[in-house]
């Protein structure tokens, strides 16, 4: 799978709020399907479908704990997505800094214009 395809699968998995909530829960530690299903108004089967999407994206894996197979978070795909997003973060930060500089110049020009107008009115 190419890097672009990995990102596609990761972002598709993250597009759903239920899956994001599951990842947030797993960030606190491993959990069983039953534990992951508790906060949702859905069946374990529906939660299992979400888990399959997260597993396909590599965002979660299964652990081994005696009879149960708790799910665990795998942060590597999130790190790849963050790295990709960082490129755009740098672009937007640069754009905002340039915009801030223009706004400072505009305010200074307006202040100078206002001050010049006051001097004319005093004459």
C-alpha atoms as a PDB file:
ATOM      1  CA  UNK A   1       0.000   0.000   0.000  1.00  0.00           C
ATOM      2  CA  UNK A   2       1.374   3.428  -0.926  1.00  0.00           C
ATOM      3  CA  UNK A   3       1.697   6.276   1.565  1.00  0.00           C
ATOM      4  CA  UNK A   4      -1.179   8.061  -0.180  1.00  0.00           C
ATOM      5  CA  UNK A   5      -3.399   4.987   0.115  1.00  0.00           C
ATOM      6  CA  UNK A   6      -2.504   4.625   3.812  1.00  0.00           C
ATOM      7  CA  UNK A   7      -3.521   8.239   4.396  1.00  0.00           C
ATOM      8  CA  UNK A   8      -6.783   7.687   2.501  1.00  0.00           C
ATOM      9  CA  UNK A   9      -7.673   4.734   4.716  1.00  0.00           C
ATOM     10  CA  UNK A  10      -6.658   6.583   7.885  1.00  0.00           C
ATOM     11  CA  UNK A  11      -8.670   9.704   7.086  1.00  0.00           C
ATOM     12  CA  UNK A  12     -11.676   7.617   5.990  1.00  0.00           C
ATOM     13  CA  UNK A  13     -11.584   5.826   9.347  1.00  0.00           C
ATOM     14  CA  UNK A  14     -11.267   9.127  11.217  1.00  0.00           C
ATOM     15  CA  UNK A  15     -14.202  10.658   9.326  1.00  0.00           C
ATOM     16  CA  UNK A  16     -16.745   8.957  11.574  1.00  0.00           C
ATOM     17  CA  UNK A  17     -17.413  10.452  15.048  1.00  0.00           C
ATOM     18  CA  UNK A  18     -18.065   7.029  16.597  1.00  0.00           C
ATOM     19  CA  UNK A  19     -14.670   5.783  15.451  1.00  0.00           C
ATOM     20  CA  UNK A  20     -12.989   8.939  16.753  1.00  0.00           C
ATOM     21  CA  UNK A  21     -14.705   8.387  20.116  1.00  0.00           C
ATOM     22  CA  UNK A  22     -13.494   4.787  20.165  1.00  0.00           C
ATOM     23  CA  UNK A  23      -9.934   5.957  19.501  1.00  0.00           C
ATOM     24  CA  UNK A  24     -10.248   8.538  22.271  1.00  0.00           C
ATOM     25  CA  UNK A  25     -11.328   5.789  24.658  1.00  0.00           C
ATOM     26  CA  UNK A  26      -8.452   3.531  23.576  1.00  0.00           C
ATOM     27  CA  UNK A  27      -5.997   6.384  24.171  1.00  0.00           C
ATOM     28  CA  UNK A  28      -6.698   5.735  27.867  1.00  0.00           C
ATOM     29  CA  UNK A  29      -5.835   2.030  27.571  1.00  0.00           C
ATOM     30  CA  UNK A  30      -7.045  -1.231  26.091  1.00  0.00           C
ATOM     31  CA  UNK A  31     -10.730  -2.145  26.145  1.00  0.00           C
ATOM     32  CA  UNK A  32     -12.996  -4.998  25.120  1.00  0.00           C
ATOM     33  CA  UNK A  33     -15.738  -4.694  22.505  1.00  0.00           C
ATOM     34  CA  UNK A  34     -18.298  -4.705  25.312  1.00  0.00           C
ATOM     35  CA  UNK A  35     -16.493  -1.862  27.102  1.00  0.00           C
ATOM     36  CA  UNK A  36     -16.191   0.107  23.874  1.00  0.00           C
ATOM     37  CA  UNK A  37     -19.907  -0.350  23.114  1.00  0.00           C
ATOM     38  CA  UNK A  38     -21.115   0.989  26.487  1.00  0.00           C
ATOM     39  CA  UNK A  39     -21.310   4.728  25.651  1.00  0.00           C
ATOM     40  CA  UNK A  40     -23.052   4.153  22.320  1.00  0.00           C
ATOM     41  CA  UNK A  41     -26.681   3.440  21.507  1.00  0.00           C
ATOM     42  CA  UNK A  42     -25.736   0.568  19.201  1.00  0.00           C
ATOM     43  CA  UNK A  43     -25.246  -3.156  19.268  1.00  0.00           C
ATOM     44  CA  UNK A  44     -21.934  -4.876  19.813  1.00  0.00           C
ATOM     45  CA  UNK A  45     -22.155  -5.990  16.174  1.00  0.00           C
ATOM     46  CA  UNK A  46     -22.347  -2.356  15.024  1.00  0.00           C
ATOM     47  CA  UNK A  47     -19.374  -1.458  17.226  1.00  0.00           C
ATOM     48  CA  UNK A  48     -17.516  -4.453  15.791  1.00  0.00           C
ATOM     49  CA  UNK A  49     -18.019  -3.035  12.285  1.00  0.00           C
ATOM     50  CA  UNK A  50     -16.426   0.228  13.391  1.00  0.00           C
ATOM     51  CA  UNK A  51     -13.572  -1.715  14.951  1.00  0.00           C
ATOM     52  CA  UNK A  52     -12.968  -3.552  11.665  1.00  0.00           C
ATOM     53  CA  UNK A  53     -12.624  -0.219   9.850  1.00  0.00           C
ATOM     54  CA  UNK A  54     -10.171   0.999  12.508  1.00  0.00           C
ATOM     55  CA  UNK A  55      -8.218  -2.279  12.281  1.00  0.00           C
ATOM     56  CA  UNK A  56      -8.074  -2.068   8.467  1.00  0.00           C
ATOM     57  CA  UNK A  57      -6.633   1.422   8.823  1.00  0.00           C
ATOM     58  CA  UNK A  58      -4.069   0.077  11.291  1.00  0.00           C
ATOM     59  CA  UNK A  59      -5.314   2.438  13.995  1.00  0.00           C
ATOM     60  CA  UNK A  60      -6.057  -0.360  16.445  1.00  0.00           C
ATOM     61  CA  UNK A  61      -4.919  -3.885  17.095  1.00  0.00           C
ATOM     62  CA  UNK A  62      -5.986  -6.771  19.277  1.00  0.00           C
ATOM     63  CA  UNK A  63      -4.223  -7.727  22.457  1.00  0.00           C
ATOM     64  CA  UNK A  64      -4.336 -10.996  24.322  1.00  0.00           C
ATOM     65  CA  UNK A  65      -5.705 -11.198  27.842  1.00  0.00           C
ATOM     66  CA  UNK A  66      -6.643 -14.757  28.783  1.00  0.00           C
ATOM     67  CA  UNK A  67     -10.056 -15.385  27.190  1.00  0.00           C
ATOM     68  CA  UNK A  68     -10.658 -11.903  25.805  1.00  0.00           C
ATOM     69  CA  UNK A  69      -9.065  -9.932  22.997  1.00  0.00           C
ATOM     70  CA  UNK A  70      -9.023  -6.294  24.072  1.00  0.00           C
ATOM     71  CA  UNK A  71      -8.443  -3.642  21.451  1.00  0.00           C
ATOM     72  CA  UNK A  72      -5.402  -1.372  21.708  1.00  0.00           C
ATOM     73  CA  UNK A  73      -4.535   1.886  19.992  1.00  0.00           C
ATOM     74  CA  UNK A  74      -1.718   1.885  17.432  1.00  0.00           C
ATOM     75  CA  UNK A  75      -0.466   5.469  17.063  1.00  0.00           C
ATOM     76  CA  UNK A  76       1.660   4.967  13.911  1.00  0.00           C
ATOM     77  CA  UNK A  77      -1.086   5.821  11.364  1.00  0.00           C
ATOM     78  CA  UNK A  78      -2.000   8.915  13.414  1.00  0.00           C
ATOM     79  CA  UNK A  79       1.654   9.972  13.384  1.00  0.00           C
ATOM     80  CA  UNK A  80       1.731   9.658   9.572  1.00  0.00           C
ATOM     81  CA  UNK A  81      -1.475  11.710   9.269  1.00  0.00           C
ATOM     82  CA  UNK A  82      -0.082  14.344  11.634  1.00  0.00           C
ATOM     83  CA  UNK A  83       3.132  14.561   9.607  1.00  0.00           C
ATOM     84  CA  UNK A  84       1.092  15.097   6.443  1.00  0.00           C
ATOM     85  CA  UNK A  85      -1.086  17.744   8.128  1.00  0.00           C
ATOM     86  CA  UNK A  86       1.994  19.534   9.487  1.00  0.00           C
ATOM     87  CA  UNK A  87       2.924  20.567   5.943  1.00  0.00           C
ATOM     88  CA  UNK A  88      -0.323  22.483   5.686  1.00  0.00           C
ATOM     89  CA  UNK A  89      -0.078  23.822   9.216  1.00  0.00           C
ATOM     90  CA  UNK A  90       3.247  25.444   8.288  1.00  0.00           C
ATOM     91  CA  UNK A  91       1.667  26.939   5.150  1.00  0.00           C
ATOM     92  CA  UNK A  92      -1.287  28.409   7.056  1.00  0.00           C
ATOM     93  CA  UNK A  93       0.881  29.726   9.882  1.00  0.00           C
ATOM     94  CA  UNK A  94       3.025  31.528   7.314  1.00  0.00           C
ATOM     95  CA  UNK A  95      -0.092  32.916   5.649  1.00  0.00           C
ATOM     96  CA  UNK A  96      -1.471  34.151   8.976  1.00  0.00           C
ATOM     97  CA  UNK A  97       1.856  35.773   9.854  1.00  0.00           C
ATOM     98  CA  UNK A  98       1.864  37.616   6.512  1.00  0.00           C
ATOM     99  CA  UNK A  99      -1.750  38.669   7.094  1.00  0.00           C
ATOM    100  CA  UNK A 100      -0.850  39.927  10.583  1.00  0.00           C
ATOM    101  CA  UNK A 101       1.972  42.000   9.097  1.00  0.00           C
ATOM    102  CA  UNK A 102      -0.392  43.545   6.520  1.00  0.00           C
ATOM    103  CA  UNK A 103      -2.947  44.363   9.229  1.00  0.00           C
ATOM    104  CA  UNK A 104      -0.258  46.055  11.358  1.00  0.00           C
ATOM    105  CA  UNK A 105       0.769  48.144   8.345  1.00  0.00           C
ATOM    106  CA  UNK A 106      -2.863  49.065   7.624  1.00  0.00           C
ATOM    107  CA  UNK A 107      -3.482  50.105  11.236  1.00  0.00           C
ATOM    108  CA  UNK A 108      -0.307  52.175  11.247  1.00  0.00           C
ATOM    109  CA  UNK A 109      -1.316  53.872   7.978  1.00  0.00           C
ATOM    110  CA  UNK A 110      -4.822  54.559   9.329  1.00  0.00           C
ATOM    111  CA  UNK A 111      -3.386  55.968  12.564  1.00  0.00           C
ATOM    112  CA  UNK A 112      -1.023  58.211  10.595  1.00  0.00           C
ATOM    113  CA  UNK A 113      -3.874  59.382   8.354  1.00  0.00           C
ATOM    114  CA  UNK A 114      -6.059  60.122  11.389  1.00  0.00           C
ATOM    115  CA  UNK A 115      -3.229  61.984  13.131  1.00  0.00           C
ATOM    116  CA  UNK A 116      -2.536  63.995   9.957  1.00  0.00           C
ATOM    117  CA  UNK A 117      -6.259  64.859   9.706  1.00  0.00           C
ATOM    118  CA  UNK A 118      -6.302  66.124  13.301  1.00  0.00           C
ATOM    119  CA  UNK A 119      -3.319  68.381  12.626  1.00  0.00           C
ATOM    120  CA  UNK A 120      -5.115  69.891   9.596  1.00  0.00           C
ATOM    121  CA  UNK A 121      -8.274  70.542  11.612  1.00  0.00           C
ATOM    122  CA  UNK A 122      -6.335  72.406  14.324  1.00  0.00           C
ATOM    123  CA  UNK A 123      -5.017  74.962  11.829  1.00  0.00           C
END
